[in-house]
C-alpha atoms as a PDB file:
ATOM      1  CA  MET A   1      17.601 -29.616  -7.348  1.00  0.00           C
ATOM      2  CA  SER A   2      14.354 -27.753  -6.694  1.00  0.00           C
ATOM      3  CA  VAL A   3      12.179 -28.688  -3.732  1.00  0.00           C
ATOM      4  CA  LEU A   4       8.962 -27.462  -5.380  1.00  0.00           C
ATOM      5  CA  PRO A   5       7.773 -28.559  -8.814  1.00  0.00           C
ATOM      6  CA  LYS A   6       8.071 -25.928 -11.519  1.00  0.00           C
ATOM      7  CA  GLN A   7       4.895 -23.842 -11.768  1.00  0.00           C
ATOM      8  CA  PRO A   8       3.857 -21.399 -14.481  1.00  0.00           C
ATOM      9  CA  ALA A   9       4.637 -17.750 -13.711  1.00  0.00           C
ATOM     10  CA  PRO A  10       0.962 -16.739 -13.224  1.00  0.00           C
ATOM     11  CA  VAL A  11       0.565 -19.213 -10.346  1.00  0.00           C
ATOM     12  CA  TRP A  12       3.660 -17.805  -8.647  1.00  0.00           C
ATOM     13  CA  MET A  13       2.355 -14.252  -9.116  1.00  0.00           C
ATOM     14  CA  VAL A  14      -1.024 -15.132  -7.604  1.00  0.00           C
ATOM     15  CA  VAL A  15       0.614 -16.910  -4.657  1.00  0.00           C
ATOM     16  CA  VAL A  16       2.994 -14.019  -3.944  1.00  0.00           C
ATOM     17  CA  THR A  17       0.183 -11.474  -4.273  1.00  0.00           C
ATOM     18  CA  GLY A  18      -2.132 -13.574  -2.088  1.00  0.00           C
ATOM     19  CA  CYS A  19       0.472 -14.005   0.644  1.00  0.00           C
ATOM     20  CA  GLY A  20       1.278 -10.304   0.491  1.00  0.00           C
ATOM     21  CA  ALA A  21      -2.388  -9.361   0.815  1.00  0.00           C
ATOM     22  CA  ILE A  22      -2.877 -11.624   3.830  1.00  0.00           C
ATOM     23  CA  ILE A  23       0.277 -10.356   5.540  1.00  0.00           C
ATOM     24  CA  LEU A  24      -0.823  -6.756   4.921  1.00  0.00           C
ATOM     25  CA  TYR A  25      -4.323  -7.537   6.247  1.00  0.00           C
ATOM     26  CA  ALA A  26      -2.864  -9.074   9.422  1.00  0.00           C
ATOM     27  CA  VAL A  27      -0.482  -6.156  10.014  1.00  0.00           C
ATOM     28  CA  LEU A  28      -3.252  -3.587   9.500  1.00  0.00           C
ATOM     29  CA  ALA A  29      -5.573  -5.586  11.770  1.00  0.00           C
ATOM     30  CA  ALA A  30      -2.925  -5.662  14.520  1.00  0.00           C
ATOM     31  CA  LEU A  31      -2.348  -1.918  14.128  1.00  0.00           C
ATOM     32  CA  GLN A  32      -6.116  -1.327  14.326  1.00  0.00           C
ATOM     33  CA  ILE A  33      -6.621  -3.531  17.383  1.00  0.00           C
ATOM     34  CA  LEU A  34      -3.565  -2.588  19.429  1.00  0.00           C
ATOM     35  CA  VAL A  35      -2.989   1.071  18.493  1.00  0.00           C
ATOM     36  CA  LEU A  36      -5.660   2.890  16.488  1.00  0.00           C
ATOM     37  CA  ASN A  37      -8.778   1.663  18.278  1.00  0.00           C
ATOM     38  CA  PRO A  38      -7.506   2.260  21.837  1.00  0.00           C
ATOM     39  CA  LEU A  39      -6.359   5.769  20.870  1.00  0.00           C
ATOM     40  CA  ALA A  40      -9.749   6.540  19.319  1.00  0.00           C
ATOM     41  CA  ALA A  41     -11.615   5.033  22.274  1.00  0.00           C
ATOM     42  CA  VAL A  42      -9.836   7.205  24.836  1.00  0.00           C
ATOM     43  CA  PRO A  43      -9.277  10.583  23.151  1.00  0.00           C
ATOM     44  CA  GLY A  44      -6.491  12.674  24.611  1.00  0.00           C
ATOM     45  CA  ALA A  45      -4.731   9.730  26.251  1.00  0.00           C
ATOM     46  CA  GLY A  46      -1.490   8.302  24.965  1.00  0.00           C
ATOM     47  CA  LEU A  47      -1.025   4.635  24.236  1.00  0.00           C
ATOM     48  CA  SER A  48       1.186   4.160  27.314  1.00  0.00           C
ATOM     49  CA  GLU A  49      -1.491   5.787  29.505  1.00  0.00           C
ATOM     50  CA  ILE A  50      -4.170   3.529  28.045  1.00  0.00           C
ATOM     51  CA  TYR A  51      -2.193   0.333  28.541  1.00  0.00           C
ATOM     52  CA  GLY A  52      -1.087   1.542  31.989  1.00  0.00           C
ATOM     53  CA  GLY A  53      -4.715   2.078  32.964  1.00  0.00           C
ATOM     54  CA  ILE A  54      -5.639  -1.358  31.651  1.00  0.00           C
ATOM     55  CA  SER A  55      -2.842  -2.904  33.715  1.00  0.00           C
ATOM     56  CA  GLN A  56      -3.809  -0.979  36.877  1.00  0.00           C
ATOM     57  CA  ALA A  57      -7.419  -2.103  36.478  1.00  0.00           C
ATOM     58  CA  GLY A  58      -6.238  -5.718  36.391  1.00  0.00           C
ATOM     59  CA  GLU A  59      -7.484  -6.206  32.840  1.00  0.00           C
ATOM     60  CA  SER A  60      -5.655  -7.973  30.049  1.00  0.00           C
ATOM     61  CA  PRO A  61      -5.625  -6.478  26.550  1.00  0.00           C
ATOM     62  CA  GLY A  62      -5.222  -9.964  25.100  1.00  0.00           C
ATOM     63  CA  ILE A  63      -2.138  -9.131  23.069  1.00  0.00           C
ATOM     64  CA  PRO A  64      -0.982 -12.780  22.915  1.00  0.00           C
ATOM     65  CA  LEU A  65      -4.372 -13.883  21.541  1.00  0.00           C
ATOM     66  CA  THR A  66      -4.414 -11.025  19.032  1.00  0.00           C
ATOM     67  CA  LEU A  67      -0.945 -11.849  17.741  1.00  0.00           C
ATOM     68  CA  THR A  68      -1.624 -15.602  17.734  1.00  0.00           C
ATOM     69  CA  VAL A  69      -4.829 -15.300  15.711  1.00  0.00           C
ATOM     70  CA  LEU A  70      -3.385 -12.816  13.221  1.00  0.00           C
ATOM     71  CA  GLY A  71      -0.033 -14.609  13.038  1.00  0.00           C
ATOM     72  CA  GLY A  72      -1.900 -17.863  12.495  1.00  0.00           C
ATOM     73  CA  GLY A  73      -3.427 -16.343   9.376  1.00  0.00           C
ATOM     74  CA  ILE A  74       0.025 -15.566   8.046  1.00  0.00           C
ATOM     75  CA  VAL A  75       1.211 -19.111   8.783  1.00  0.00           C
ATOM     76  CA  LEU A  76      -1.858 -20.541   7.017  1.00  0.00           C
ATOM     77  CA  ALA A  77      -1.177 -18.303   4.002  1.00  0.00           C
ATOM     78  CA  LEU A  78       2.377 -19.644   3.777  1.00  0.00           C
ATOM     79  CA  VAL A  79       1.195 -23.254   4.150  1.00  0.00           C
ATOM     80  CA  LEU A  80      -1.354 -22.614   1.410  1.00  0.00           C
ATOM     81  CA  ALA A  81       1.431 -21.197  -0.763  1.00  0.00           C
ATOM     82  CA  ALA A  82       3.492 -24.356  -0.323  1.00  0.00           C
ATOM     83  CA  LEU A  83       0.500 -26.574  -1.134  1.00  0.00           C
ATOM     84  CA  LEU A  84      -0.471 -24.576  -4.209  1.00  0.00           C
ATOM     85  CA  LEU A  85       3.078 -24.499  -5.527  1.00  0.00           C
ATOM     86  CA  TRP A  86       3.642 -28.182  -4.789  1.00  0.00           C
ATOM     87  CA  ASN A  87       0.617 -29.282  -6.798  1.00  0.00           C
ATOM     88  CA  ARG A  88       1.483 -28.970 -10.482  1.00  0.00           C
ATOM     89  CA  ALA A  89      -2.220 -29.039 -11.393  1.00  0.00           C
ATOM     90  CA  THR A  90      -2.818 -25.716  -9.601  1.00  0.00           C
ATOM     91  CA  THR A  91      -4.243 -23.078 -11.885  1.00  0.00           C
ATOM     92  CA  PRO A  92      -3.987 -19.329 -11.312  1.00  0.00           C
ATOM     93  CA  LEU A  93      -7.778 -19.290 -10.889  1.00  0.00           C
ATOM     94  CA  ALA A  94      -7.684 -21.936  -8.151  1.00  0.00           C
ATOM     95  CA  ALA A  95      -4.897 -20.074  -6.348  1.00  0.00           C
ATOM     96  CA  ALA A  96      -6.799 -16.782  -6.598  1.00  0.00           C
ATOM     97  CA  MET A  97      -9.992 -18.332  -5.228  1.00  0.00           C
ATOM     98  CA  ALA A  98      -8.071 -19.903  -2.334  1.00  0.00           C
ATOM     99  CA  TYR A  99      -6.462 -16.611  -1.306  1.00  0.00           C
ATOM    100  CA  LEU A 100      -9.695 -14.656  -1.755  1.00  0.00           C
ATOM    101  CA  PHE A 101     -11.427 -17.142   0.544  1.00  0.00           C
ATOM    102  CA  MET A 102      -8.617 -16.757   3.094  1.00  0.00           C
ATOM    103  CA  LEU A 103      -9.016 -12.973   2.933  1.00  0.00           C
ATOM    104  CA  ALA A 104     -12.744 -13.427   3.528  1.00  0.00           C
ATOM    105  CA  LEU A 105     -11.878 -15.425   6.657  1.00  0.00           C
ATOM    106  CA  GLY A 106     -10.029 -12.343   7.874  1.00  0.00           C
ATOM    107  CA  ALA A 107     -13.351 -10.906   9.099  1.00  0.00           C
ATOM    108  CA  PRO A 108     -14.054 -13.546  11.763  1.00  0.00           C
ATOM    109  CA  ALA A 109     -10.353 -13.612  12.660  1.00  0.00           C
ATOM    110  CA  LEU A 110     -10.422  -9.830  13.145  1.00  0.00           C
ATOM    111  CA  PHE A 111     -13.466 -10.088  15.404  1.00  0.00           C
ATOM    112  CA  ILE A 112     -11.896 -12.839  17.535  1.00  0.00           C
ATOM    113  CA  ALA A 113      -8.523 -11.084  17.728  1.00  0.00           C
ATOM    114  CA  SER A 114     -10.043  -7.725  18.684  1.00  0.00           C
ATOM    115  CA  PHE A 115     -12.496  -8.904  21.333  1.00  0.00           C
ATOM    116  CA  PRO A 116     -10.157  -9.029  24.386  1.00  0.00           C
ATOM    117  CA  ALA A 117      -8.529  -5.680  23.606  1.00  0.00           C
ATOM    118  CA  GLY A 118     -11.886  -3.986  23.072  1.00  0.00           C
ATOM    119  CA  MET A 119     -13.289  -5.406  26.298  1.00  0.00           C
ATOM    120  CA  ALA A 120     -10.199  -4.400  28.279  1.00  0.00           C
ATOM    121  CA  VAL A 121     -10.476  -0.794  27.078  1.00  0.00           C
ATOM    122  CA  ALA A 122     -14.248  -0.786  27.664  1.00  0.00           C
ATOM    123  CA  ASP A 123     -14.028  -2.194  31.188  1.00  0.00           C
ATOM    124  CA  THR A 124     -11.129   0.059  32.183  1.00  0.00           C
ATOM    125  CA  PHE A 125     -12.477   3.346  30.844  1.00  0.00           C
ATOM    126  CA  LEU A 126     -16.217   2.554  31.128  1.00  0.00           C
ATOM    127  CA  ILE A 127     -16.921   3.035  27.435  1.00  0.00           C
ATOM    128  CA  SER A 128     -18.355   0.946  24.626  1.00  0.00           C
ATOM    129  CA  GLY A 129     -16.211  -2.016  23.630  1.00  0.00           C
ATOM    130  CA  GLY A 130     -17.061  -1.553  19.962  1.00  0.00           C
ATOM    131  CA  ASP A 131     -14.926  -0.176  17.197  1.00  0.00           C
ATOM    132  CA  ASN A 132     -14.051   3.448  17.820  1.00  0.00           C
ATOM    133  CA  SER A 133     -11.574   4.208  15.054  1.00  0.00           C
ATOM    134  CA  GLY A 134     -13.566   2.922  12.109  1.00  0.00           C
ATOM    135  CA  TRP A 135     -10.586   1.203  10.499  1.00  0.00           C
ATOM    136  CA  SER A 136     -11.975  -2.236  11.173  1.00  0.00           C
ATOM    137  CA  THR A 137     -14.894  -1.315   8.911  1.00  0.00           C
ATOM    138  CA  ALA A 138     -12.442  -1.062   6.021  1.00  0.00           C
ATOM    139  CA  LEU A 139     -11.014  -4.487   6.867  1.00  0.00           C
ATOM    140  CA  TYR A 140     -14.485  -6.040   7.156  1.00  0.00           C
ATOM    141  CA  LEU A 141     -15.435  -4.459   3.827  1.00  0.00           C
ATOM    142  CA  PHE A 142     -12.261  -5.837   2.228  1.00  0.00           C
ATOM    143  CA  SER A 143     -13.141  -9.323   3.510  1.00  0.00           C
ATOM    144  CA  THR A 144     -16.666  -8.977   2.135  1.00  0.00           C
ATOM    145  CA  VAL A 145     -15.376  -7.918  -1.282  1.00  0.00           C
ATOM    146  CA  ALA A 146     -12.937 -10.858  -1.251  1.00  0.00           C
ATOM    147  CA  LEU A 147     -15.784 -13.280  -0.505  1.00  0.00           C
ATOM    148  CA  ILE A 148     -17.913 -11.817  -3.302  1.00  0.00           C
ATOM    149  CA  ALA A 149     -14.950 -11.977  -5.702  1.00  0.00           C
ATOM    150  CA  ALA A 150     -14.260 -15.623  -4.785  1.00  0.00           C
ATOM    151  CA  ALA A 151     -17.915 -16.501  -5.376  1.00  0.00           C
ATOM    152  CA  ALA A 152     -17.941 -14.593  -8.671  1.00  0.00           C
ATOM    153  CA  LEU A 153     -14.793 -16.376  -9.869  1.00  0.00           C
ATOM    154  CA  ALA A 154     -16.216 -19.761  -8.901  1.00  0.00           C
ATOM    155  CA  THR A 155     -19.507 -19.000 -10.658  1.00  0.00           C
ATOM    156  CA  ALA A 156     -17.797 -17.685 -13.789  1.00  0.00           C
ATOM    157  CA  ASP A 157     -15.562 -20.755 -13.907  1.00  0.00           C
ATOM    158  CA  ALA A 158     -18.553 -23.090 -13.511  1.00  0.00           C
ATOM    159  CA  VAL A 159     -20.422 -21.286 -16.302  1.00  0.00           C
ATOM    160  CA  ARG A 160     -17.341 -21.397 -18.523  1.00  0.00           C
ATOM    161  CA  ARG A 161     -16.850 -25.102 -17.890  1.00  0.00           C
ATOM    162  CA  GLY A 162     -20.538 -25.771 -18.531  1.00  0.00           C
ATOM    163  CA  SER A 163     -20.486 -23.929 -21.853  1.00  0.00           C
ATOM    164  CA  VAL A 164     -17.362 -25.808 -22.936  1.00  0.00           C
ATOM    165  CA  GLU A 165     -19.001 -29.155 -22.114  1.00  0.00           C
ATOM    166  CA  GLU A 166     -22.187 -28.261 -24.045  1.00  0.00           C
ATOM    167  CA  LYS A 167     -20.376 -27.706 -27.357  1.00  0.00           C
ATOM    168  CA  PRO A 168     -20.710 -30.613 -29.809  1.00  0.00           C
ATOM    169  CA  ARG A 169     -17.496 -32.571 -30.244  1.00  0.00           C
ATOM    170  CA  GLY A 170     -17.289 -32.076 -33.996  1.00  0.00           C
ATOM    171  CA  ALA A 171     -17.782 -28.294 -33.905  1.00  0.00           C
END
């Protein structure tokens, strides 16, 4: 006996791809926040030296917050997967729009998750707390493209539905 109702293969493919994209986004964001950005912010220092300096300065890099925010995105992606697969009326388009919107929400999640780590490095080494490695730009761009794609899909679907409704019934 199956727990989830049977869904067409395209819905499953969209859900698996969407979950995979969100997991990859979260992993890359964690790598950016906890490894790449600190190394770029303090050139010549190793990661253990950077985190040692942060600890000696009495700062907190906010690792629990970073992992909670990014891990929360993964949990939400899995909950969304269960909801989409449970509802037999889910279309591949609806699933795609849902995951694209979640990927768009990666941008504010990235900002929130990176703030404590950036401030800890900035306060400890008296540098700017901004992005130093540039990799977050790629993640922000990816979120922007996902938001544009979700809006484009929604618009195209609305236009398609409108043109279907305008056709005369006898035609």
